[in-house]
C-alpha atoms as a PDB file:
ATOM      1  CA  UNK A   1     -54.795 -12.590 -37.952  1.00  0.00           C
ATOM      2  CA  UNK A   2     -56.051  -8.904 -38.066  1.00  0.00           C
ATOM      3  CA  UNK A   3     -53.163  -6.017 -38.191  1.00  0.00           C
ATOM      4  CA  UNK A   4     -54.367  -4.738 -35.071  1.00  0.00           C
ATOM      5  CA  UNK A   5     -53.412  -7.709 -33.022  1.00  0.00           C
ATOM      6  CA  UNK A   6     -49.856  -9.293 -32.650  1.00  0.00           C
ATOM      7  CA  UNK A   7     -49.340 -12.525 -33.693  1.00  0.00           C
ATOM      8  CA  UNK A   8     -48.875 -15.107 -30.847  1.00  0.00           C
ATOM      9  CA  UNK A   9     -45.845 -17.118 -31.201  1.00  0.00           C
ATOM     10  CA  UNK A  10     -45.829 -20.382 -33.033  1.00  0.00           C
ATOM     11  CA  UNK A  11     -45.723 -22.999 -30.044  1.00  0.00           C
ATOM     12  CA  UNK A  12     -49.216 -21.036 -28.742  1.00  0.00           C
ATOM     13  CA  UNK A  13     -51.335 -20.717 -31.732  1.00  0.00           C
ATOM     14  CA  UNK A  14     -54.513 -22.843 -31.075  1.00  0.00           C
ATOM     15  CA  UNK A  15     -56.863 -24.281 -33.600  1.00  0.00           C
ATOM     16  CA  UNK A  16     -59.352 -21.379 -32.730  1.00  0.00           C
ATOM     17  CA  UNK A  17     -58.976 -17.750 -32.793  1.00  0.00           C
ATOM     18  CA  UNK A  18     -57.721 -16.257 -29.478  1.00  0.00           C
ATOM     19  CA  UNK A  19     -59.440 -13.624 -27.280  1.00  0.00           C
ATOM     20  CA  UNK A  20     -60.196 -11.520 -24.741  1.00  0.00           C
ATOM     21  CA  UNK A  21     -57.627 -12.706 -21.417  1.00  0.00           C
ATOM     22  CA  UNK A  22     -56.003 -15.385 -23.888  1.00  0.00           C
ATOM     23  CA  UNK A  23     -55.105 -12.811 -26.203  1.00  0.00           C
ATOM     24  CA  UNK A  24     -53.698 -10.752 -23.296  1.00  0.00           C
ATOM     25  CA  UNK A  25     -51.408 -13.271 -21.757  1.00  0.00           C
ATOM     26  CA  UNK A  26     -49.949 -14.356 -24.930  1.00  0.00           C
ATOM     27  CA  UNK A  27     -48.730 -10.428 -25.817  1.00  0.00           C
ATOM     28  CA  UNK A  28     -47.499 -10.240 -22.391  1.00  0.00           C
ATOM     29  CA  UNK A  29     -45.557 -13.099 -23.218  1.00  0.00           C
ATOM     30  CA  UNK A  30     -44.281 -11.707 -26.450  1.00  0.00           C
ATOM     31  CA  UNK A  31     -43.693  -8.097 -24.869  1.00  0.00           C
ATOM     32  CA  UNK A  32     -41.592  -9.939 -22.237  1.00  0.00           C
ATOM     33  CA  UNK A  33     -39.334 -11.711 -24.457  1.00  0.00           C
ATOM     34  CA  UNK A  34     -38.701  -8.875 -26.585  1.00  0.00           C
ATOM     35  CA  UNK A  35     -37.751  -6.329 -23.752  1.00  0.00           C
ATOM     36  CA  UNK A  36     -35.152  -9.308 -22.395  1.00  0.00           C
ATOM     37  CA  UNK A  37     -33.859  -9.606 -25.656  1.00  0.00           C
ATOM     38  CA  UNK A  38     -33.208  -5.650 -25.736  1.00  0.00           C
ATOM     39  CA  UNK A  39     -31.885  -6.072 -22.502  1.00  0.00           C
ATOM     40  CA  UNK A  40     -29.214  -9.019 -22.959  1.00  0.00           C
ATOM     41  CA  UNK A  41     -28.285  -6.522 -25.966  1.00  0.00           C
ATOM     42  CA  UNK A  42     -27.594  -3.658 -23.922  1.00  0.00           C
ATOM     43  CA  UNK A  43     -25.804  -5.304 -21.630  1.00  0.00           C
ATOM     44  CA  UNK A  44     -23.574  -6.950 -24.213  1.00  0.00           C
ATOM     45  CA  UNK A  45     -22.661  -3.420 -25.756  1.00  0.00           C
ATOM     46  CA  UNK A  46     -21.887  -1.784 -21.951  1.00  0.00           C
ATOM     47  CA  UNK A  47     -19.965  -5.073 -21.295  1.00  0.00           C
ATOM     48  CA  UNK A  48     -18.144  -5.092 -24.560  1.00  0.00           C
ATOM     49  CA  UNK A  49     -17.479  -0.899 -23.694  1.00  0.00           C
ATOM     50  CA  UNK A  50     -15.650  -1.604 -20.359  1.00  0.00           C
ATOM     51  CA  UNK A  51     -13.510  -4.321 -21.511  1.00  0.00           C
ATOM     52  CA  UNK A  52     -15.518  -7.391 -20.228  1.00  0.00           C
ATOM     53  CA  UNK A  53     -15.439  -6.491 -16.629  1.00  0.00           C
ATOM     54  CA  UNK A  54     -19.054  -5.848 -14.919  1.00  0.00           C
ATOM     55  CA  UNK A  55     -20.171  -4.367 -11.589  1.00  0.00           C
ATOM     56  CA  UNK A  56     -22.603  -5.816  -9.593  1.00  0.00           C
ATOM     57  CA  UNK A  57     -22.542  -7.492  -6.481  1.00  0.00           C
ATOM     58  CA  UNK A  58     -19.354  -8.910  -6.465  1.00  0.00           C
ATOM     59  CA  UNK A  59     -16.396  -7.077  -6.075  1.00  0.00           C
ATOM     60  CA  UNK A  60     -13.919  -6.268  -8.610  1.00  0.00           C
ATOM     61  CA  UNK A  61     -10.677  -3.998  -8.684  1.00  0.00           C
ATOM     62  CA  UNK A  62     -12.703  -0.475  -9.744  1.00  0.00           C
ATOM     63  CA  UNK A  63     -14.319  -1.176  -6.300  1.00  0.00           C
ATOM     64  CA  UNK A  64     -13.686   1.617  -3.816  1.00  0.00           C
ATOM     65  CA  UNK A  65     -11.263   0.161  -0.702  1.00  0.00           C
ATOM     66  CA  UNK A  66     -11.003   1.038   3.112  1.00  0.00           C
ATOM     67  CA  UNK A  67      -7.967   3.832   3.516  1.00  0.00           C
ATOM     68  CA  UNK A  68      -5.855   1.043   5.225  1.00  0.00           C
ATOM     69  CA  UNK A  69      -6.652  -1.338   2.722  1.00  0.00           C
ATOM     70  CA  UNK A  70      -5.783   1.366   0.031  1.00  0.00           C
ATOM     71  CA  UNK A  71      -2.279   2.071   1.333  1.00  0.00           C
ATOM     72  CA  UNK A  72      -1.295  -1.208   2.071  1.00  0.00           C
ATOM     73  CA  UNK A  73      -1.931  -2.588  -1.543  1.00  0.00           C
ATOM     74  CA  UNK A  74       0.059   0.859  -2.815  1.00  0.00           C
ATOM     75  CA  UNK A  75       2.815  -0.728  -0.117  1.00  0.00           C
ATOM     76  CA  UNK A  76       2.961  -4.099  -1.555  1.00  0.00           C
ATOM     77  CA  UNK A  77       2.589  -2.712  -5.356  1.00  0.00           C
ATOM     78  CA  UNK A  78       5.157  -0.486  -5.276  1.00  0.00           C
ATOM     79  CA  UNK A  79       7.711  -2.527  -3.297  1.00  0.00           C
ATOM     80  CA  UNK A  80       7.534  -0.141  -0.309  1.00  0.00           C
ATOM     81  CA  UNK A  81       7.194  -2.503   2.725  1.00  0.00           C
ATOM     82  CA  UNK A  82      10.338  -2.768   3.982  1.00  0.00           C
ATOM     83  CA  UNK A  83      10.861   1.380   3.784  1.00  0.00           C
ATOM     84  CA  UNK A  84       8.176   1.743   5.504  1.00  0.00           C
ATOM     85  CA  UNK A  85       8.802  -0.489   8.009  1.00  0.00           C
ATOM     86  CA  UNK A  86      11.887   0.806   9.007  1.00  0.00           C
ATOM     87  CA  UNK A  87      10.551   4.702   9.040  1.00  0.00           C
ATOM     88  CA  UNK A  88       8.188   3.037  11.681  1.00  0.00           C
ATOM     89  CA  UNK A  89      11.180   1.843  13.982  1.00  0.00           C
ATOM     90  CA  UNK A  90      12.697   5.260  13.344  1.00  0.00           C
ATOM     91  CA  UNK A  91       9.701   6.631  15.138  1.00  0.00           C
ATOM     92  CA  UNK A  92       9.722   4.101  18.185  1.00  0.00           C
ATOM     93  CA  UNK A  93      13.314   4.126  18.510  1.00  0.00           C
ATOM     94  CA  UNK A  94      12.940   4.921  21.876  1.00  0.00           C
ATOM     95  CA  UNK A  95      10.516   2.217  22.451  1.00  0.00           C
ATOM     96  CA  UNK A  96      13.140  -0.196  20.853  1.00  0.00           C
ATOM     97  CA  UNK A  97      16.243   0.765  22.302  1.00  0.00           C
ATOM     98  CA  UNK A  98      15.233   2.287  25.769  1.00  0.00           C
ATOM     99  CA  UNK A  99      15.115   5.711  26.991  1.00  0.00           C
ATOM    100  CA  UNK A 100      18.671   6.292  27.590  1.00  0.00           C
ATOM    101  CA  UNK A 101      19.899   5.032  24.437  1.00  0.00           C
ATOM    102  CA  UNK A 102      17.528   7.025  22.553  1.00  0.00           C
ATOM    103  CA  UNK A 103      18.639  10.157  24.252  1.00  0.00           C
ATOM    104  CA  UNK A 104      22.192   9.919  23.002  1.00  0.00           C
ATOM    105  CA  UNK A 105      21.993   7.876  19.731  1.00  0.00           C
ATOM    106  CA  UNK A 106      19.548   8.743  16.980  1.00  0.00           C
ATOM    107  CA  UNK A 107      19.038   6.840  13.802  1.00  0.00           C
ATOM    108  CA  UNK A 108      20.112   8.565  10.764  1.00  0.00           C
ATOM    109  CA  UNK A 109      19.212   6.243   7.662  1.00  0.00           C
ATOM    110  CA  UNK A 110      19.117   2.707   6.699  1.00  0.00           C
ATOM    111  CA  UNK A 111      20.248   1.866   3.318  1.00  0.00           C
ATOM    112  CA  UNK A 112      17.961  -0.718   1.852  1.00  0.00           C
ATOM    113  CA  UNK A 113      20.877  -2.321  -0.400  1.00  0.00           C
ATOM    114  CA  UNK A 114      23.386  -3.346   2.284  1.00  0.00           C
ATOM    115  CA  UNK A 115      20.486  -3.361   5.068  1.00  0.00           C
ATOM    116  CA  UNK A 116      22.158  -1.225   7.515  1.00  0.00           C
ATOM    117  CA  UNK A 117      21.185   1.232   9.794  1.00  0.00           C
ATOM    118  CA  UNK A 118      23.127   4.287  10.280  1.00  0.00           C
ATOM    119  CA  UNK A 119      22.749   5.936  13.613  1.00  0.00           C
ATOM    120  CA  UNK A 120      24.892   9.262  15.238  1.00  0.00           C
ATOM    121  CA  UNK A 121      25.799   9.307  19.045  1.00  0.00           C
ATOM    122  CA  UNK A 122      26.336  12.814  21.060  1.00  0.00           C
ATOM    123  CA  UNK A 123      29.969  11.801  22.428  1.00  0.00           C
ATOM    124  CA  UNK A 124      32.303   8.517  21.735  1.00  0.00           C
ATOM    125  CA  UNK A 125      31.711   7.188  24.968  1.00  0.00           C
ATOM    126  CA  UNK A 126      27.685   6.240  23.549  1.00  0.00           C
ATOM    127  CA  UNK A 127      29.417   5.141  20.162  1.00  0.00           C
ATOM    128  CA  UNK A 128      31.470   3.047  21.639  1.00  0.00           C
ATOM    129  CA  UNK A 129      28.396   1.830  24.010  1.00  0.00           C
ATOM    130  CA  UNK A 130      26.368   1.305  21.540  1.00  0.00           C
ATOM    131  CA  UNK A 131      28.822  -0.723  19.017  1.00  0.00           C
ATOM    132  CA  UNK A 132      29.265  -2.821  21.857  1.00  0.00           C
ATOM    133  CA  UNK A 133      25.169  -3.314  21.643  1.00  0.00           C
ATOM    134  CA  UNK A 134      24.960  -3.648  18.199  1.00  0.00           C
ATOM    135  CA  UNK A 135      24.291  -7.381  17.932  1.00  0.00           C
ATOM    136  CA  UNK A 136      21.459  -7.230  20.451  1.00  0.00           C
ATOM    137  CA  UNK A 137      19.865  -3.977  18.838  1.00  0.00           C
ATOM    138  CA  UNK A 138      20.363  -5.942  15.336  1.00  0.00           C
ATOM    139  CA  UNK A 139      18.277  -8.912  16.819  1.00  0.00           C
ATOM    140  CA  UNK A 140      15.715  -7.073  18.729  1.00  0.00           C
ATOM    141  CA  UNK A 141      14.938  -5.081  15.276  1.00  0.00           C
ATOM    142  CA  UNK A 142      14.764  -8.263  13.045  1.00  0.00           C
ATOM    143  CA  UNK A 143      12.196  -9.004  15.347  1.00  0.00           C
ATOM    144  CA  UNK A 144      10.070  -6.294  14.967  1.00  0.00           C
ATOM    145  CA  UNK A 145      10.828  -5.817  11.301  1.00  0.00           C
ATOM    146  CA  UNK A 146      11.423  -9.478   9.882  1.00  0.00           C
ATOM    147  CA  UNK A 147      14.382 -11.448  10.044  1.00  0.00           C
ATOM    148  CA  UNK A 148      17.290 -10.311   7.608  1.00  0.00           C
ATOM    149  CA  UNK A 149      15.701  -6.805   7.063  1.00  0.00           C
ATOM    150  CA  UNK A 150      18.941  -5.473   9.550  1.00  0.00           C
ATOM    151  CA  UNK A 151      21.957  -6.847   9.387  1.00  0.00           C
ATOM    152  CA  UNK A 152      24.288  -4.122  10.420  1.00  0.00           C
ATOM    153  CA  UNK A 153      24.249  -0.936  12.381  1.00  0.00           C
ATOM    154  CA  UNK A 154      26.725   1.759  11.484  1.00  0.00           C
ATOM    155  CA  UNK A 155      27.452   4.134  14.450  1.00  0.00           C
ATOM    156  CA  UNK A 156      28.729   7.087  14.052  1.00  0.00           C
ATOM    157  CA  UNK A 157      30.409   9.130  16.892  1.00  0.00           C
ATOM    158  CA  UNK A 158      29.872  12.852  17.171  1.00  0.00           C
ATOM    159  CA  UNK A 159      30.484  15.372  14.384  1.00  0.00           C
ATOM    160  CA  UNK A 160      33.011  17.957  15.058  1.00  0.00           C
ATOM    161  CA  UNK A 161      31.711  21.871  15.169  1.00  0.00           C
ATOM    162  CA  UNK A 162      32.091  23.937  12.324  1.00  0.00           C
ATOM    163  CA  UNK A 163      35.646  24.856  11.240  1.00  0.00           C
ATOM    164  CA  UNK A 164      35.938  28.862  11.319  1.00  0.00           C
ATOM    165  CA  UNK A 165      38.976  30.306  10.301  1.00  0.00           C
ATOM    166  CA  UNK A 166      39.301  33.490  11.975  1.00  0.00           C
ATOM    167  CA  UNK A 167      41.648  35.871  13.765  1.00  0.00           C
ATOM    168  CA  UNK A 168      41.782  33.369  17.070  1.00  0.00           C
ATOM    169  CA  UNK A 169      42.247  30.159  14.433  1.00  0.00           C
ATOM    170  CA  UNK A 170      45.724  29.006  14.231  1.00  0.00           C
ATOM    171  CA  UNK A 171      46.627  28.156  10.885  1.00  0.00           C
ATOM    172  CA  UNK A 172      46.506  24.122  10.179  1.00  0.00           C
ATOM    173  CA  UNK A 173      45.263  23.272  13.809  1.00  0.00           C
ATOM    174  CA  UNK A 174      42.110  21.025  13.795  1.00  0.00           C
ATOM    175  CA  UNK A 175      40.549  21.906  16.826  1.00  0.00           C
ATOM    176  CA  UNK A 176      39.179  19.828  19.808  1.00  0.00           C
ATOM    177  CA  UNK A 177      40.108  16.776  19.061  1.00  0.00           C
ATOM    178  CA  UNK A 178      39.348  15.168  22.793  1.00  0.00           C
ATOM    179  CA  UNK A 179      35.714  13.871  21.932  1.00  0.00           C
ATOM    180  CA  UNK A 180      34.908  13.868  18.271  1.00  0.00           C
ATOM    181  CA  UNK A 181      35.706  11.038  16.331  1.00  0.00           C
END
């Protein structure tokens, strides 16, 4: 073969010299095979650089997620499902306990270790009423949040007014104690 023409692949050499269209087909086939080899080598380099992950038609961990799915994934990964659910209950407190009870009793905090919900009432009468309603509230909360999320409702009465010492205050007195406590 001459130097200006590329040599055909070994399986394609006929006994006679190639010319015209046949020569162009052989040259095109050789160019395609070289391009495929270069492309495969480039893909291997990219794959090695990315640590074996590939991007394409199938999703992997690097693809963007919708906001709701990203938040759900974050809650699961961090173990925040229960605190997030309980804070949602605190926002829906009036719907769970009723408008009358919600006017007089506010949820304060949830202790995940003890599974205890602390509720403060504005009078001792409402604190007593809520203590009597506690088993039903625990059942309603667990139905909403999942079994065993809340085991106990700790009911606090109202806090007394700030103790101020002034000229009209008797030393040692505890202030009005009839409704605080």
